[in-house]
Amino acid sequence: MRKPTAPKKMFVYGTLMRGFYNYDKALVGQEKSMVPARTRGRVWHMVDRGYPAIKEGEGWVYGELVELKDFAAVIDQMDDIEGYHGPDDPRNEYARILLPVENLETGKMEEAYVYYYVPDDLGSSENPVVELTHGSWRTYMEEKK
């Protein structure tokens, strides 16, 4: 298991959300609870890759707060999906970091792991993006249909 290893809730905002393909791969039947949530940041859809990226920002990013039944049984697969190899590993596409996340059912702030995009290539010719100023990759994908 890659560090950090302390069992925590996960905030998912892209392909790991319910109804998307990586949810089916990693989370079906593994969630103890899954509720609407948000965290501070900015989110983009990476056009050629077909999935989102978030970085620091003052806006809100919307997704789902997931409590896993067995953190250790699922986290390595989630890290593989997100291209996370460990803290400060130069191969990371995403870093798994702890951030405050608002549970939208209770209104309470909770600490959860969030996958933050690492490279500085957003919007480059190699990685064209669409910024999602409304903060929801799910909404963006539903509107694209």
N, C-alpha and C. Protein backbone atom coordinates (compact mmCIF):
# COMPACT_ATOMS: atom_id res chain seq x y z
N MET A 1 0.84 -1.18 0.00
CA MET A 1 0.00 0.00 0.00
C MET A 1 0.89 1.24 0.00
N ARG A 2 0.55 2.20 -0.85
CA ARG A 2 1.32 3.44 -0.94
C ARG A 2 0.92 4.40 0.16
N LYS A 3 1.85 5.19 0.62
CA LYS A 3 1.54 6.20 1.63
C LYS A 3 0.80 7.34 0.97
N PRO A 4 -0.01 8.11 1.68
CA PRO A 4 -0.40 7.87 3.06
C PRO A 4 -1.32 6.65 3.18
N THR A 5 -1.25 5.99 4.34
CA THR A 5 -1.96 4.73 4.52
C THR A 5 -3.09 4.78 5.52
N ALA A 6 -3.24 5.87 6.25
CA ALA A 6 -4.31 5.95 7.24
C ALA A 6 -5.67 5.87 6.55
N PRO A 7 -6.53 4.96 6.98
CA PRO A 7 -7.86 4.86 6.37
C PRO A 7 -8.64 6.16 6.54
N LYS A 8 -9.09 6.70 5.44
CA LYS A 8 -9.88 7.94 5.43
C LYS A 8 -10.94 7.80 4.36
N LYS A 9 -11.90 8.72 4.40
CA LYS A 9 -12.87 8.79 3.30
C LYS A 9 -12.17 9.32 2.06
N MET A 10 -12.78 9.08 0.91
CA MET A 10 -12.26 9.53 -0.38
C MET A 10 -13.26 10.52 -0.99
N PHE A 11 -12.74 11.58 -1.59
CA PHE A 11 -13.59 12.47 -2.38
C PHE A 11 -13.30 12.17 -3.84
N VAL A 12 -14.33 11.71 -4.56
CA VAL A 12 -14.18 11.39 -5.98
C VAL A 12 -15.00 12.39 -6.80
N TYR A 13 -14.46 12.82 -7.93
CA TYR A 13 -15.09 13.88 -8.72
C TYR A 13 -15.10 13.57 -10.21
N GLY A 14 -14.65 12.38 -10.58
CA GLY A 14 -14.55 12.03 -12.00
C GLY A 14 -14.98 10.61 -12.25
N THR A 15 -14.12 9.84 -12.87
CA THR A 15 -14.48 8.50 -13.33
C THR A 15 -14.73 7.51 -12.19
N LEU A 16 -14.38 7.87 -10.96
CA LEU A 16 -14.67 7.01 -9.81
C LEU A 16 -16.04 7.29 -9.20
N MET A 17 -16.78 8.29 -9.72
CA MET A 17 -18.13 8.55 -9.22
C MET A 17 -19.08 7.47 -9.71
N ARG A 18 -20.15 7.30 -8.94
CA ARG A 18 -21.19 6.34 -9.31
C ARG A 18 -21.68 6.64 -10.74
N GLY A 19 -21.78 5.58 -11.54
CA GLY A 19 -22.27 5.72 -12.90
C GLY A 19 -21.18 5.84 -13.95
N PHE A 20 -19.93 5.97 -13.54
CA PHE A 20 -18.82 6.08 -14.48
C PHE A 20 -17.95 4.82 -14.43
N TYR A 21 -17.14 4.62 -15.46
CA TYR A 21 -16.47 3.34 -15.67
C TYR A 21 -15.50 2.92 -14.57
N ASN A 22 -14.79 3.82 -13.94
CA ASN A 22 -13.87 3.39 -12.88
C ASN A 22 -14.58 3.11 -11.57
N TYR A 23 -15.78 3.65 -11.39
CA TYR A 23 -16.60 3.25 -10.25
C TYR A 23 -16.90 1.76 -10.36
N ASP A 24 -17.27 1.33 -11.57
CA ASP A 24 -17.57 -0.08 -11.79
C ASP A 24 -16.34 -0.96 -11.54
N LYS A 25 -15.16 -0.47 -11.88
CA LYS A 25 -13.92 -1.24 -11.70
C LYS A 25 -13.50 -1.35 -10.24
N ALA A 26 -13.62 -0.26 -9.49
CA ALA A 26 -12.99 -0.21 -8.17
C ALA A 26 -13.94 -0.13 -6.98
N LEU A 27 -15.12 0.48 -7.15
CA LEU A 27 -15.91 0.81 -5.97
C LEU A 27 -17.23 0.06 -5.81
N VAL A 28 -17.73 -0.57 -6.84
CA VAL A 28 -19.01 -1.26 -6.71
C VAL A 28 -18.93 -2.28 -5.56
N GLY A 29 -19.82 -2.14 -4.61
CA GLY A 29 -19.85 -3.04 -3.47
C GLY A 29 -18.82 -2.75 -2.40
N GLN A 30 -17.93 -1.78 -2.64
CA GLN A 30 -16.87 -1.46 -1.68
C GLN A 30 -17.21 -0.25 -0.81
N GLU A 31 -18.30 0.46 -1.15
CA GLU A 31 -18.61 1.67 -0.42
C GLU A 31 -19.53 1.38 0.76
N LYS A 32 -19.15 1.93 1.92
CA LYS A 32 -19.99 1.86 3.11
C LYS A 32 -21.04 2.96 3.01
N SER A 33 -20.61 4.12 2.50
CA SER A 33 -21.52 5.22 2.23
C SER A 33 -20.95 6.04 1.09
N MET A 34 -21.85 6.73 0.38
CA MET A 34 -21.43 7.58 -0.74
C MET A 34 -22.45 8.72 -0.81
N VAL A 35 -21.99 9.95 -0.53
CA VAL A 35 -22.91 11.09 -0.45
C VAL A 35 -22.37 12.24 -1.30
N PRO A 36 -23.25 13.12 -1.76
CA PRO A 36 -22.81 14.30 -2.50
C PRO A 36 -21.90 15.17 -1.62
N ALA A 37 -20.87 15.74 -2.25
CA ALA A 37 -19.89 16.53 -1.49
C ALA A 37 -19.23 17.55 -2.41
N ARG A 38 -18.46 18.44 -1.79
CA ARG A 38 -17.68 19.41 -2.56
C ARG A 38 -16.44 19.79 -1.78
N THR A 39 -15.43 20.25 -2.54
CA THR A 39 -14.20 20.75 -1.96
C THR A 39 -13.75 21.97 -2.75
N ARG A 40 -12.89 22.75 -2.17
CA ARG A 40 -12.38 23.94 -2.86
C ARG A 40 -11.39 23.55 -3.94
N GLY A 41 -11.45 24.24 -5.08
CA GLY A 41 -10.51 24.01 -6.15
C GLY A 41 -11.06 24.44 -7.48
N ARG A 42 -10.31 24.11 -8.53
CA ARG A 42 -10.73 24.36 -9.92
C ARG A 42 -10.67 23.02 -10.63
N VAL A 43 -11.62 22.80 -11.55
CA VAL A 43 -11.69 21.52 -12.26
C VAL A 43 -11.73 21.76 -13.77
N TRP A 44 -11.05 20.90 -14.50
CA TRP A 44 -11.00 20.93 -15.96
C TRP A 44 -11.33 19.55 -16.50
N HIS A 45 -11.91 19.51 -17.69
CA HIS A 45 -12.06 18.27 -18.44
C HIS A 45 -10.89 18.23 -19.41
N MET A 46 -10.12 17.15 -19.36
CA MET A 46 -9.00 17.00 -20.29
C MET A 46 -9.55 16.32 -21.54
N VAL A 47 -9.63 17.09 -22.61
CA VAL A 47 -10.35 16.72 -23.83
C VAL A 47 -9.83 15.42 -24.44
N ASP A 48 -8.53 15.28 -24.62
CA ASP A 48 -7.98 14.09 -25.28
C ASP A 48 -7.93 12.87 -24.38
N ARG A 49 -7.98 13.09 -23.08
CA ARG A 49 -7.90 11.98 -22.13
C ARG A 49 -9.28 11.52 -21.66
N GLY A 50 -10.25 12.41 -21.69
CA GLY A 50 -11.62 12.03 -21.35
C GLY A 50 -11.92 11.95 -19.86
N TYR A 51 -11.09 12.59 -19.05
CA TYR A 51 -11.35 12.60 -17.61
C TYR A 51 -10.91 13.94 -17.03
N PRO A 52 -11.29 14.22 -15.76
CA PRO A 52 -11.04 15.53 -15.20
C PRO A 52 -9.74 15.64 -14.41
N ALA A 53 -9.39 16.88 -14.12
CA ALA A 53 -8.24 17.21 -13.27
C ALA A 53 -8.65 18.35 -12.36
N ILE A 54 -8.22 18.28 -11.10
CA ILE A 54 -8.43 19.45 -10.23
C ILE A 54 -7.10 19.91 -9.67
N LYS A 55 -7.09 21.21 -9.43
CA LYS A 55 -5.95 21.87 -8.79
C LYS A 55 -6.51 22.91 -7.82
N GLU A 56 -5.61 23.56 -7.09
CA GLU A 56 -6.02 24.58 -6.13
C GLU A 56 -6.82 25.68 -6.79
N GLY A 57 -7.73 26.25 -6.02
CA GLY A 57 -8.51 27.38 -6.50
C GLY A 57 -9.58 27.75 -5.49
N GLU A 58 -10.24 28.84 -5.74
CA GLU A 58 -11.26 29.35 -4.82
C GLU A 58 -12.66 28.85 -5.12
N GLY A 59 -12.84 28.20 -6.26
CA GLY A 59 -14.17 27.71 -6.60
C GLY A 59 -14.50 26.43 -5.85
N TRP A 60 -15.61 25.82 -6.23
CA TRP A 60 -16.03 24.54 -5.65
C TRP A 60 -15.95 23.46 -6.71
N VAL A 61 -15.49 22.29 -6.30
CA VAL A 61 -15.50 21.10 -7.15
C VAL A 61 -16.48 20.13 -6.50
N TYR A 62 -17.44 19.65 -7.31
CA TYR A 62 -18.50 18.78 -6.80
C TYR A 62 -18.23 17.32 -7.15
N GLY A 63 -18.55 16.45 -6.21
CA GLY A 63 -18.37 15.02 -6.43
C GLY A 63 -19.07 14.24 -5.35
N GLU A 64 -18.43 13.15 -4.91
CA GLU A 64 -19.02 12.27 -3.92
C GLU A 64 -17.99 11.93 -2.85
N LEU A 65 -18.44 11.93 -1.62
CA LEU A 65 -17.62 11.54 -0.48
C LEU A 65 -17.90 10.07 -0.19
N VAL A 66 -16.86 9.26 -0.27
CA VAL A 66 -17.01 7.81 -0.16
C VAL A 66 -16.32 7.31 1.10
N GLU A 67 -17.07 6.56 1.90
CA GLU A 67 -16.48 5.83 3.00
C GLU A 67 -16.38 4.38 2.55
N LEU A 68 -15.17 3.85 2.56
CA LEU A 68 -14.93 2.49 2.08
C LEU A 68 -15.14 1.47 3.19
N LYS A 69 -15.67 0.31 2.81
CA LYS A 69 -15.83 -0.78 3.78
C LYS A 69 -14.47 -1.26 4.27
N ASP A 70 -13.51 -1.40 3.35
CA ASP A 70 -12.18 -1.88 3.68
C ASP A 70 -11.17 -1.07 2.87
N PHE A 71 -10.66 0.00 3.47
CA PHE A 71 -9.75 0.93 2.80
C PHE A 71 -8.58 0.20 2.15
N ALA A 72 -7.95 -0.70 2.92
CA ALA A 72 -6.75 -1.40 2.43
C ALA A 72 -7.03 -2.26 1.21
N ALA A 73 -8.25 -2.78 1.10
CA ALA A 73 -8.59 -3.66 -0.02
C ALA A 73 -8.80 -2.90 -1.33
N VAL A 74 -9.05 -1.61 -1.25
CA VAL A 74 -9.45 -0.83 -2.43
C VAL A 74 -8.43 0.22 -2.83
N ILE A 75 -7.67 0.74 -1.89
CA ILE A 75 -6.87 1.93 -2.16
C ILE A 75 -5.79 1.71 -3.23
N ASP A 76 -5.15 0.54 -3.25
CA ASP A 76 -4.12 0.31 -4.27
C ASP A 76 -4.70 0.36 -5.68
N GLN A 77 -5.88 -0.21 -5.86
CA GLN A 77 -6.53 -0.17 -7.18
C GLN A 77 -6.90 1.26 -7.55
N MET A 78 -7.41 2.04 -6.59
CA MET A 78 -7.73 3.44 -6.87
C MET A 78 -6.46 4.22 -7.21
N ASP A 79 -5.38 3.98 -6.47
CA ASP A 79 -4.11 4.66 -6.77
C ASP A 79 -3.62 4.31 -8.17
N ASP A 80 -3.75 3.04 -8.57
CA ASP A 80 -3.35 2.64 -9.92
C ASP A 80 -4.17 3.38 -10.98
N ILE A 81 -5.48 3.44 -10.78
CA ILE A 81 -6.37 4.13 -11.72
C ILE A 81 -5.95 5.59 -11.87
N GLU A 82 -5.58 6.22 -10.76
CA GLU A 82 -5.25 7.65 -10.76
C GLU A 82 -3.78 7.94 -11.07
N GLY A 83 -2.99 6.92 -11.32
CA GLY A 83 -1.57 7.15 -11.64
C GLY A 83 -0.80 7.69 -10.47
N TYR A 84 -1.15 7.24 -9.25
CA TYR A 84 -0.45 7.68 -8.04
C TYR A 84 0.52 6.59 -7.60
N HIS A 85 1.81 6.95 -7.51
CA HIS A 85 2.85 5.99 -7.17
C HIS A 85 3.39 6.17 -5.75
N GLY A 86 3.11 7.29 -5.11
CA GLY A 86 3.58 7.56 -3.76
C GLY A 86 3.93 9.02 -3.61
N PRO A 87 4.12 9.49 -2.37
CA PRO A 87 4.40 10.91 -2.14
C PRO A 87 5.63 11.38 -2.93
N ASP A 88 5.45 12.48 -3.64
CA ASP A 88 6.53 13.14 -4.39
C ASP A 88 7.19 12.27 -5.46
N ASP A 89 6.52 11.21 -5.88
CA ASP A 89 7.08 10.36 -6.93
C ASP A 89 6.96 11.10 -8.27
N PRO A 90 8.04 11.25 -9.03
CA PRO A 90 7.99 12.02 -10.28
C PRO A 90 7.09 11.39 -11.35
N ARG A 91 6.68 10.14 -11.18
CA ARG A 91 5.79 9.49 -12.16
C ARG A 91 4.32 9.80 -11.91
N ASN A 92 3.99 10.44 -10.79
CA ASN A 92 2.59 10.70 -10.44
C ASN A 92 1.88 11.55 -11.49
N GLU A 93 0.73 11.06 -11.92
CA GLU A 93 -0.19 11.93 -12.67
C GLU A 93 -1.05 12.70 -11.67
N TYR A 94 -1.44 12.03 -10.60
CA TYR A 94 -2.21 12.63 -9.51
C TYR A 94 -1.49 12.35 -8.21
N ALA A 95 -1.65 13.25 -7.25
CA ALA A 95 -1.18 13.04 -5.88
C ALA A 95 -2.41 12.82 -5.01
N ARG A 96 -2.30 11.92 -4.05
CA ARG A 96 -3.42 11.68 -3.11
C ARG A 96 -3.13 12.50 -1.86
N ILE A 97 -3.93 13.54 -1.66
CA ILE A 97 -3.70 14.46 -0.54
C ILE A 97 -4.96 14.59 0.31
N LEU A 98 -4.78 14.98 1.57
CA LEU A 98 -5.91 15.20 2.47
C LEU A 98 -6.38 16.64 2.36
N LEU A 99 -7.69 16.80 2.19
CA LEU A 99 -8.29 18.13 2.09
C LEU A 99 -9.61 18.16 2.86
N PRO A 100 -10.04 19.35 3.27
CA PRO A 100 -11.37 19.47 3.84
C PRO A 100 -12.42 19.32 2.73
N VAL A 101 -13.42 18.51 3.00
CA VAL A 101 -14.49 18.25 2.05
C VAL A 101 -15.81 18.46 2.78
N GLU A 102 -16.75 19.15 2.12
CA GLU A 102 -18.05 19.38 2.73
C GLU A 102 -19.02 18.28 2.33
N ASN A 103 -19.56 17.57 3.31
CA ASN A 103 -20.62 16.59 3.10
C ASN A 103 -21.90 17.39 2.85
N LEU A 104 -22.46 17.30 1.66
CA LEU A 104 -23.61 18.13 1.30
C LEU A 104 -24.92 17.62 1.91
N GLU A 105 -24.91 16.43 2.49
CA GLU A 105 -26.10 15.95 3.20
C GLU A 105 -26.17 16.50 4.61
N THR A 106 -25.00 16.64 5.25
CA THR A 106 -24.98 17.09 6.64
C THR A 106 -24.52 18.54 6.78
N GLY A 107 -23.82 19.07 5.75
CA GLY A 107 -23.25 20.41 5.83
C GLY A 107 -21.95 20.46 6.62
N LYS A 108 -21.49 19.32 7.10
CA LYS A 108 -20.27 19.27 7.91
C LYS A 108 -19.03 19.11 7.03
N MET A 109 -17.93 19.70 7.50
CA MET A 109 -16.64 19.53 6.83
C MET A 109 -15.97 18.28 7.38
N GLU A 110 -15.40 17.49 6.47
CA GLU A 110 -14.70 16.27 6.85
C GLU A 110 -13.38 16.24 6.10
N GLU A 111 -12.40 15.54 6.65
CA GLU A 111 -11.13 15.38 5.98
C GLU A 111 -11.20 14.13 5.11
N ALA A 112 -10.78 14.26 3.86
CA ALA A 112 -10.83 13.13 2.93
C ALA A 112 -9.65 13.21 1.97
N TYR A 113 -9.30 12.06 1.42
CA TYR A 113 -8.28 12.03 0.37
C TYR A 113 -8.90 12.51 -0.93
N VAL A 114 -8.13 13.29 -1.67
CA VAL A 114 -8.53 13.81 -2.98
C VAL A 114 -7.34 13.60 -3.91
N TYR A 115 -7.62 13.16 -5.13
CA TYR A 115 -6.56 13.04 -6.14
C TYR A 115 -6.42 14.37 -6.86
N TYR A 116 -5.26 15.03 -6.66
CA TYR A 116 -4.96 16.33 -7.27
C TYR A 116 -4.03 16.10 -8.46
N TYR A 117 -4.34 16.75 -9.56
CA TYR A 117 -3.53 16.61 -10.77
C TYR A 117 -2.17 17.27 -10.56
N VAL A 118 -1.09 16.57 -10.96
CA VAL A 118 0.27 17.04 -10.69
C VAL A 118 0.90 17.83 -11.85
N PRO A 119 0.90 17.31 -13.10
CA PRO A 119 1.64 18.02 -14.17
C PRO A 119 1.14 19.45 -14.40
N ASP A 120 2.00 20.25 -14.97
CA ASP A 120 1.65 21.64 -15.30
C ASP A 120 1.31 21.78 -16.78
N ASP A 121 0.61 20.80 -17.33
CA ASP A 121 0.33 20.82 -18.77
C ASP A 121 -1.12 21.14 -19.12
N LEU A 122 -1.93 21.53 -18.14
CA LEU A 122 -3.34 21.82 -18.43
C LEU A 122 -3.44 22.99 -19.41
N GLY A 123 -4.14 22.76 -20.50
CA GLY A 123 -4.32 23.80 -21.50
C GLY A 123 -3.21 23.89 -22.53
N SER A 124 -2.21 23.01 -22.44
CA SER A 124 -1.14 23.01 -23.43
C SER A 124 -1.61 22.31 -24.70
N SER A 125 -0.83 22.40 -25.75
CA SER A 125 -1.19 21.73 -27.00
C SER A 125 -1.20 20.21 -26.81
N GLU A 126 -0.42 19.70 -25.86
CA GLU A 126 -0.41 18.27 -25.57
C GLU A 126 -1.58 17.85 -24.70
N ASN A 127 -2.21 18.80 -23.99
CA ASN A 127 -3.31 18.49 -23.09
C ASN A 127 -4.36 19.59 -23.10
N PRO A 128 -5.15 19.67 -24.20
CA PRO A 128 -6.20 20.68 -24.25
C PRO A 128 -7.28 20.40 -23.20
N VAL A 129 -7.82 21.47 -22.63
CA VAL A 129 -8.79 21.33 -21.55
C VAL A 129 -9.97 22.27 -21.75
N VAL A 130 -11.05 21.95 -21.05
CA VAL A 130 -12.20 22.83 -20.91
C VAL A 130 -12.35 23.08 -19.42
N GLU A 131 -12.24 24.35 -18.98
CA GLU A 131 -12.44 24.62 -17.56
C GLU A 131 -13.92 24.54 -17.24
N LEU A 132 -14.24 23.87 -16.15
CA LEU A 132 -15.63 23.67 -15.73
C LEU A 132 -15.91 24.63 -14.59
N THR A 133 -16.32 25.85 -14.96
CA THR A 133 -16.49 26.89 -13.94
C THR A 133 -17.63 26.57 -12.98
N HIS A 134 -18.57 25.72 -13.37
CA HIS A 134 -19.65 25.30 -12.46
C HIS A 134 -19.17 24.24 -11.47
N GLY A 135 -17.98 23.65 -11.72
CA GLY A 135 -17.36 22.76 -10.76
C GLY A 135 -17.77 21.30 -10.81
N SER A 136 -18.59 20.91 -11.79
CA SER A 136 -19.09 19.53 -11.80
C SER A 136 -18.75 18.81 -13.10
N TRP A 137 -17.88 17.82 -13.01
CA TRP A 137 -17.56 17.01 -14.18
C TRP A 137 -18.76 16.16 -14.58
N ARG A 138 -19.55 15.69 -13.60
CA ARG A 138 -20.76 14.93 -13.93
C ARG A 138 -21.71 15.76 -14.79
N THR A 139 -21.94 17.01 -14.40
CA THR A 139 -22.81 17.89 -15.18
C THR A 139 -22.26 18.07 -16.58
N TYR A 140 -20.96 18.30 -16.69
CA TYR A 140 -20.33 18.48 -18.00
C TYR A 140 -20.56 17.25 -18.87
N MET A 141 -20.34 16.07 -18.32
CA MET A 141 -20.50 14.84 -19.10
C MET A 141 -21.95 14.60 -19.49
N GLU A 142 -22.89 14.93 -18.62
CA GLU A 142 -24.31 14.78 -18.94
C GLU A 142 -24.74 15.75 -20.02
N GLU A 143 -24.19 16.96 -20.02
CA GLU A 143 -24.52 17.97 -21.03
C GLU A 143 -23.93 17.61 -22.38
N LYS A 144 -22.83 16.86 -22.42
CA LYS A 144 -22.19 16.45 -23.66
C LYS A 144 -22.99 15.40 -24.42
N LYS A 145 -23.82 14.66 -23.72
CA LYS A 145 -24.56 13.55 -24.34
C LYS A 145 -25.51 14.03 -25.42
